[in-house]
Amino acid sequence: MSKAKAGTDKNLQNVVADLDQTAVNSHHAQQIQQDTNDRRHQDSLNHDKTEDMDPSHS
């Protein structure tokens, strides 16, 4: 992995590196797709701002 250049977003560099991968077979393609899905799911969990409406947890 190359070092991030000044002013370049490291996360975007990693995304570009992931997108540059070429799947060698259908199983590898599925694994790449699952990695993408896992990152999207984790990102949605990290940005979930809903509050617990049950006051018993306070």
Protein backbone atom coordinates (compact mmCIF):
# COMPACT_ATOMS: atom_id res chain seq x y z
CA MET A 1 0.00 0.00 0.00
CA SER A 2 1.35 3.38 -0.90
CA LYS A 3 1.53 6.23 1.57
CA ALA A 4 -1.21 8.82 1.45
CA LYS A 5 -0.23 12.03 -0.28
CA ALA A 6 -0.84 15.36 1.40
CA GLY A 7 -4.46 16.39 0.96
CA THR A 8 -5.56 12.91 -0.15
CA ASP A 9 -8.15 11.05 1.89
CA LYS A 10 -6.63 7.74 3.06
CA ASN A 11 -10.04 6.05 3.22
CA LEU A 12 -10.74 6.94 -0.39
CA GLN A 13 -7.35 5.57 -1.40
CA ASN A 14 -8.27 2.27 0.24
CA VAL A 15 -11.62 2.20 -1.58
CA VAL A 16 -9.90 2.79 -4.90
CA ALA A 17 -7.42 0.00 -4.14
CA ASP A 18 -10.33 -2.34 -3.37
CA LEU A 19 -12.14 -1.39 -6.57
CA ASP A 20 -9.01 -2.08 -8.60
CA GLN A 21 -9.15 -5.77 -7.68
CA THR A 22 -10.14 -8.15 -10.43
CA ALA A 23 -11.94 -11.28 -9.33
CA VAL A 24 -10.32 -14.49 -10.52
CA ASN A 25 -13.46 -16.60 -10.24
CA SER A 26 -17.05 -16.37 -9.06
CA HIS A 27 -16.19 -17.30 -5.47
CA HIS A 28 -13.61 -14.51 -5.26
CA ALA A 29 -16.10 -12.08 -6.82
CA GLN A 30 -18.64 -13.04 -4.15
CA GLN A 31 -16.08 -12.47 -1.39
CA ILE A 32 -15.23 -9.02 -2.75
CA GLN A 33 -18.95 -8.16 -2.91
CA GLN A 34 -19.49 -9.42 0.64
CA ASP A 35 -16.62 -7.24 1.90
CA THR A 36 -18.34 -4.24 0.32
CA ASN A 37 -21.67 -5.18 1.90
CA ASP A 38 -20.02 -5.65 5.30
CA ARG A 39 -18.41 -2.19 5.11
CA ARG A 40 -21.73 -0.59 4.13
CA HIS A 41 -23.52 -2.34 6.98
CA GLN A 42 -20.89 -1.31 9.53
CA ASP A 43 -21.00 2.26 8.24
CA SER A 44 -24.77 2.37 8.65
CA LEU A 45 -24.43 1.06 12.20
CA ASN A 46 -21.81 3.68 12.99
CA HIS A 47 -24.07 6.47 11.75
CA ASP A 48 -27.29 5.27 13.36
CA LYS A 49 -28.44 8.17 15.54
CA THR A 50 -31.73 6.69 16.70
CA GLU A 51 -32.38 6.92 20.40
CA ASP A 52 -33.76 4.24 22.63
CA MET A 53 -37.36 5.21 23.35
CA ASP A 54 -37.54 2.94 26.42
CA PRO A 55 -36.78 5.13 29.49
CA SER A 56 -36.01 2.08 31.64
CA HIS A 57 -32.49 1.96 30.10
CA SER A 58 -31.53 5.43 31.39
